[in-house]
Protein backbone atom coordinates (compact mmCIF):
# COMPACT_ATOMS: atom_id res chain seq x y z
CA MET A 1 -1.92 68.54 17.84
CA PRO A 2 -1.81 68.18 21.66
CA ASN A 3 1.67 69.70 21.94
CA GLY A 4 1.26 72.27 19.17
CA ILE A 5 1.86 75.99 19.58
CA ALA A 6 -0.91 78.40 18.57
CA ASN A 7 -0.08 81.83 17.13
CA ILE A 8 -2.41 84.22 15.32
CA LEU A 9 -0.65 85.74 12.32
CA SER A 10 -1.99 88.50 10.10
CA GLN A 11 -1.87 87.58 6.43
CA HIS A 12 -2.08 91.28 5.56
CA GLN A 13 1.09 91.98 7.53
CA MET A 14 2.86 89.00 5.97
CA GLU A 15 1.93 90.24 2.48
CA GLN A 16 3.60 93.57 3.24
CA LYS A 17 6.92 91.84 3.99
CA TYR A 18 7.01 88.63 1.93
CA ARG A 19 5.71 87.23 -1.34
CA ILE A 20 2.86 84.72 -0.81
CA THR A 21 1.67 82.18 -3.37
CA TYR A 22 -1.40 79.95 -3.14
CA ASN A 23 -1.96 76.52 -4.67
CA SER A 24 -5.75 76.20 -4.93
CA TRP A 25 -5.62 72.57 -6.09
CA GLU A 26 -3.56 71.36 -3.14
CA GLY A 27 -4.93 73.96 -0.71
CA TYR A 28 -1.79 75.48 0.79
CA TYR A 29 0.01 78.83 0.99
CA VAL A 30 3.74 79.34 0.61
CA VAL A 31 5.41 82.34 2.27
CA HIS A 32 8.69 83.01 0.47
CA HIS A 33 11.01 83.98 3.34
CA PRO A 34 14.70 84.85 2.63
CA LYS A 35 15.71 81.91 4.85
CA GLY A 36 13.53 79.50 2.88
CA PRO A 37 9.87 78.74 2.03
CA VAL A 38 7.25 78.35 4.76
CA ARG A 39 4.21 76.26 3.81
CA PHE A 40 0.80 76.83 5.43
CA CYS A 41 -1.56 73.86 4.97
CA LYS A 42 -5.22 73.63 6.03
CA ASP A 43 -6.67 71.25 8.58
CA HIS A 44 -10.08 69.55 8.34
CA GLN A 45 -11.76 72.77 9.54
CA GLY A 46 -9.96 74.93 6.98
CA LEU A 47 -7.64 76.57 9.52
CA PRO A 48 -4.08 77.13 8.25
CA TYR A 49 -1.06 75.73 10.06
CA ILE A 50 2.66 75.58 9.33
CA ASP A 51 3.78 72.25 7.89
CA MET A 52 7.24 71.94 9.43
CA GLY A 53 7.95 68.84 7.34
CA LYS A 54 7.81 70.92 4.15
CA SER A 55 9.08 74.24 5.51
CA SER A 56 12.40 75.73 6.48
CA THR A 57 12.60 75.54 10.29
CA ASP A 58 14.68 78.72 10.60
CA ALA A 59 12.34 80.64 8.29
CA ALA A 60 9.22 79.46 10.15
CA ILE A 61 10.61 80.56 13.53
CA LEU A 62 11.72 83.94 12.18
CA LEU A 63 8.39 84.45 10.43
CA VAL A 64 6.36 83.91 13.62
CA GLN A 65 8.68 86.13 15.66
CA THR A 66 8.66 88.92 13.06
CA VAL A 67 4.88 89.04 12.57
CA ARG A 68 4.12 88.75 16.28
CA GLY A 69 6.65 91.51 16.98
CA ASN A 70 5.06 93.82 14.44
CA TYR A 71 1.56 93.09 15.72
CA ALA A 72 2.14 95.15 18.87
CA GLU A 73 4.83 97.42 17.48
CA GLY A 74 4.59 100.89 19.01
CA TYR A 75 2.43 99.76 21.95
CA THR A 76 3.43 99.00 25.51
CA LYS A 77 2.54 95.70 27.13
CA LYS A 78 -0.04 97.50 29.28
CA GLU A 79 -1.72 99.09 26.24
CA VAL A 80 -1.98 95.73 24.49
CA LEU A 81 -3.52 94.17 27.62
CA GLU A 82 -6.03 97.04 27.93
CA ALA A 83 -6.97 96.65 24.26
CA LYS A 84 -7.68 92.94 24.84
CA VAL A 85 -9.89 93.78 27.81
CA ALA A 86 -11.78 96.38 25.73
CA ARG A 87 -12.45 93.91 22.93
CA ARG A 88 -13.55 91.22 25.43
CA GLN A 89 -15.91 93.67 27.15
CA GLN A 90 -17.38 94.66 23.78
CA GLY A 91 -18.24 91.02 23.13
CA MET A 92 -19.78 90.56 26.59
CA MET A 93 -22.07 93.53 25.91
CA GLY A 94 -23.60 91.80 22.90
CA ALA A 95 -21.15 93.19 20.35
CA VAL A 96 -22.14 96.82 20.79
CA SER A 97 -21.29 98.83 17.69
CA GLU A 98 -17.92 100.51 17.47
CA ASN A 99 -19.64 103.89 17.09
CA ASP A 100 -21.64 103.53 20.32
CA TYR A 101 -18.99 101.81 22.44
CA PRO A 102 -16.69 104.85 22.95
CA GLY A 103 -19.70 107.02 23.82
CA LEU A 104 -20.86 104.60 26.51
CA VAL A 105 -17.39 104.63 28.06
CA SER A 106 -16.91 108.41 27.83
CA SER A 107 -20.36 109.10 29.33
CA HIS A 108 -19.66 106.77 32.28
CA LEU A 109 -22.81 104.77 31.56
CA LEU A 110 -21.11 101.46 32.44
CA ARG A 111 -20.69 100.38 36.05
CA ASN A 112 -17.34 99.11 37.29
CA ASN A 113 -15.79 99.99 33.95
CA ASN A 114 -12.01 100.12 33.64
CA VAL A 115 -11.89 100.47 29.85
CA THR A 116 -10.75 103.80 28.40
CA PRO A 117 -11.60 105.29 25.00
CA ALA A 118 -7.91 104.99 24.09
CA ALA A 119 -8.06 101.23 24.73
CA ILE A 120 -11.02 100.95 22.34
CA THR A 121 -9.09 102.81 19.64
CA ASN A 122 -6.02 100.63 20.20
CA ALA A 123 -8.15 97.49 19.97
CA ARG A 124 -9.40 98.59 16.57
CA THR A 125 -5.83 99.22 15.38
CA LEU A 126 -4.39 95.99 16.81
CA PHE A 127 -7.17 93.53 16.05
CA GLY A 128 -9.09 95.18 13.23
CA PRO A 129 -12.88 95.61 13.19
CA ASP A 130 -14.96 93.54 15.60
CA LEU A 131 -15.93 90.36 13.72
CA ALA A 132 -19.30 90.04 15.45
CA ASN A 133 -20.29 93.48 14.14
CA VAL A 134 -18.95 92.77 10.67
CA ARG A 135 -20.81 89.47 10.40
CA GLY A 136 -24.07 90.52 12.00
CA LYS A 137 -24.53 94.13 10.96
CA THR A 138 -22.97 94.48 7.53
CA VAL A 139 -25.78 94.90 5.04
CA ARG A 140 -25.75 93.13 1.71
CA ILE A 141 -24.90 95.38 -1.21
CA LYS A 142 -27.03 94.76 -4.26
CA PRO A 143 -24.76 93.66 -7.11
CA ASP A 144 -24.88 95.33 -10.49
CA PRO A 145 -27.22 93.58 -12.92
CA VAL A 146 -25.65 91.36 -15.53
CA VAL A 147 -25.94 92.92 -18.97
CA GLU A 148 -26.12 90.46 -21.85
CA ASN A 149 -24.81 91.95 -25.05
CA TYR A 150 -25.20 89.86 -28.19
CA VAL A 151 -23.28 91.07 -31.22
CA ALA A 152 -24.94 90.44 -34.56
CA ILE A 153 -22.43 89.37 -37.21
CA PRO A 154 -23.13 91.13 -40.53
CA ARG A 155 -24.09 88.77 -43.34
CA ASP A 156 -21.57 90.47 -45.63
CA PHE A 157 -18.77 89.41 -43.29
CA VAL A 158 -19.89 85.77 -43.40
CA LEU A 159 -20.11 85.83 -47.19
CA ALA A 160 -16.69 87.47 -47.55
CA ASN A 161 -15.10 84.79 -45.35
CA LYS A 162 -17.31 81.83 -46.21
CA HIS A 163 -14.37 79.54 -47.04
CA LEU A 164 -11.98 79.22 -44.11
CA THR A 165 -8.59 77.78 -43.29
CA LEU A 166 -8.00 76.48 -39.77
CA ALA A 167 -4.80 75.85 -37.82
CA ALA A 168 -4.89 73.07 -35.22
CA ASP A 169 -2.47 71.78 -32.61
CA VAL A 170 -2.35 70.12 -29.20
CA PHE A 171 -0.97 72.21 -26.33
CA PHE A 172 -0.60 71.54 -22.63
CA VAL A 173 -1.68 73.53 -19.58
CA ASP A 174 -0.27 72.11 -16.33
CA GLY A 175 0.20 68.81 -18.14
CA ILE A 176 -3.42 68.74 -19.38
CA PRO A 177 -3.62 68.23 -23.18
CA LEU A 178 -6.02 70.50 -25.09
CA LEU A 179 -6.78 70.53 -28.81
CA LEU A 180 -6.73 74.13 -30.06
CA THR A 181 -8.05 75.35 -33.40
CA LEU A 182 -7.86 78.88 -34.81
CA SER A 183 -9.53 80.13 -37.99
CA ARG A 184 -7.67 82.58 -40.16
CA ARG A 185 -9.27 86.00 -40.74
CA VAL A 186 -12.26 85.15 -38.51
CA LYS A 187 -9.91 84.45 -35.56
CA PHE A 188 -12.40 82.14 -33.87
CA VAL A 189 -10.72 79.91 -31.26
CA THR A 190 -11.87 76.53 -29.95
CA ALA A 191 -10.25 74.38 -27.28
CA GLU A 192 -11.23 70.95 -26.00
CA HIS A 193 -9.73 68.57 -23.47
CA SER A 194 -7.99 65.73 -25.35
CA PRO A 195 -6.81 63.10 -22.85
CA VAL A 196 -6.58 60.48 -25.63
CA ARG A 197 -4.81 61.46 -28.86
CA THR A 198 -5.43 58.44 -31.05
CA ALA A 199 -6.47 58.87 -34.69
CA ILE A 200 -10.15 58.22 -33.87
CA ALA A 201 -10.17 60.61 -30.89
CA LEU A 202 -8.47 63.47 -32.76
CA ALA A 203 -10.73 62.94 -35.77
CA ASN A 204 -13.83 63.16 -33.55
CA HIS A 205 -12.57 66.41 -32.01
CA LEU A 206 -11.97 67.93 -35.43
CA LYS A 207 -15.41 66.82 -36.69
CA LYS A 208 -17.03 68.67 -33.75
CA VAL A 209 -15.20 71.83 -34.74
CA LEU A 210 -16.19 71.49 -38.39
CA ARG A 211 -19.85 71.09 -37.40
CA VAL A 212 -19.67 74.33 -35.39
CA TYR A 213 -18.44 76.27 -38.42
CA HIS A 214 -20.98 74.54 -40.69
CA ARG A 215 -23.90 75.60 -38.46
CA ALA A 216 -22.69 79.21 -38.72
CA GLY A 217 -22.64 79.07 -42.51
CA PHE A 218 -18.88 78.66 -43.01
CA THR A 219 -17.06 76.03 -45.05
CA VAL A 220 -13.67 74.80 -43.85
CA ARG A 221 -11.50 73.97 -46.85
CA TYR A 222 -8.13 73.42 -45.20
CA VAL A 223 -6.88 72.48 -41.74
CA LEU A 224 -3.17 73.13 -41.13
CA MET A 225 -1.61 70.63 -38.69
CA ASP A 226 1.81 69.24 -37.82
CA GLY A 227 3.07 65.66 -38.07
CA GLU A 228 1.17 64.53 -34.98
CA PHE A 229 -2.06 64.68 -37.02
CA GLU A 230 -0.78 62.68 -39.96
CA LYS A 231 -2.64 59.66 -38.61
CA VAL A 232 -6.00 61.44 -39.16
CA MET A 233 -5.26 62.33 -42.81
CA ALA A 234 -7.43 59.49 -44.13
């Protein structure tokens, strides 16, 4: 927005003071401030911004003031300015590593240098690690290999539970209907999206489940269901 106000807020610092929830489907954060909720939406580039239309105005103002106040808490205005200069100089030098940068300053190897080692330390505390170094010099850590463990079901167990009784019902997750079946003793669970719950649709779902048990050598004798499934009795 042309007349918008830009502030850089630390999510880590907000998490230490307020509860934050995230809606991945809608793509927004909600900071639960005592004065009211503050919603952070994302623009077309993925950058978060405060949606004042869906946030408490008083809470949003207090949130920005509180986080910005804590960002430089314990530092004088001069120390914050020197830390900014140190971080800017580090970038102009090609993102020199944070291990080498203090040594260059302490050894007076830089001409016309006004940055002090203390300013470099303060920059690390105020702004975190230099992003250019993190992105360009962090090596990839080899992940642990995926171990595939297949459990062989003893034949005696299948024979002892060859004839099964299932329980079936439709349940909802966030308004999404799912057909759930559970076998007694074996405790095998199946779930399938059931947007249409007509007699034909429910019967087809149940036939799929019965075929799964049949391929494994089981025979389903009974399926326990409530009145919603009375239409599939035939």
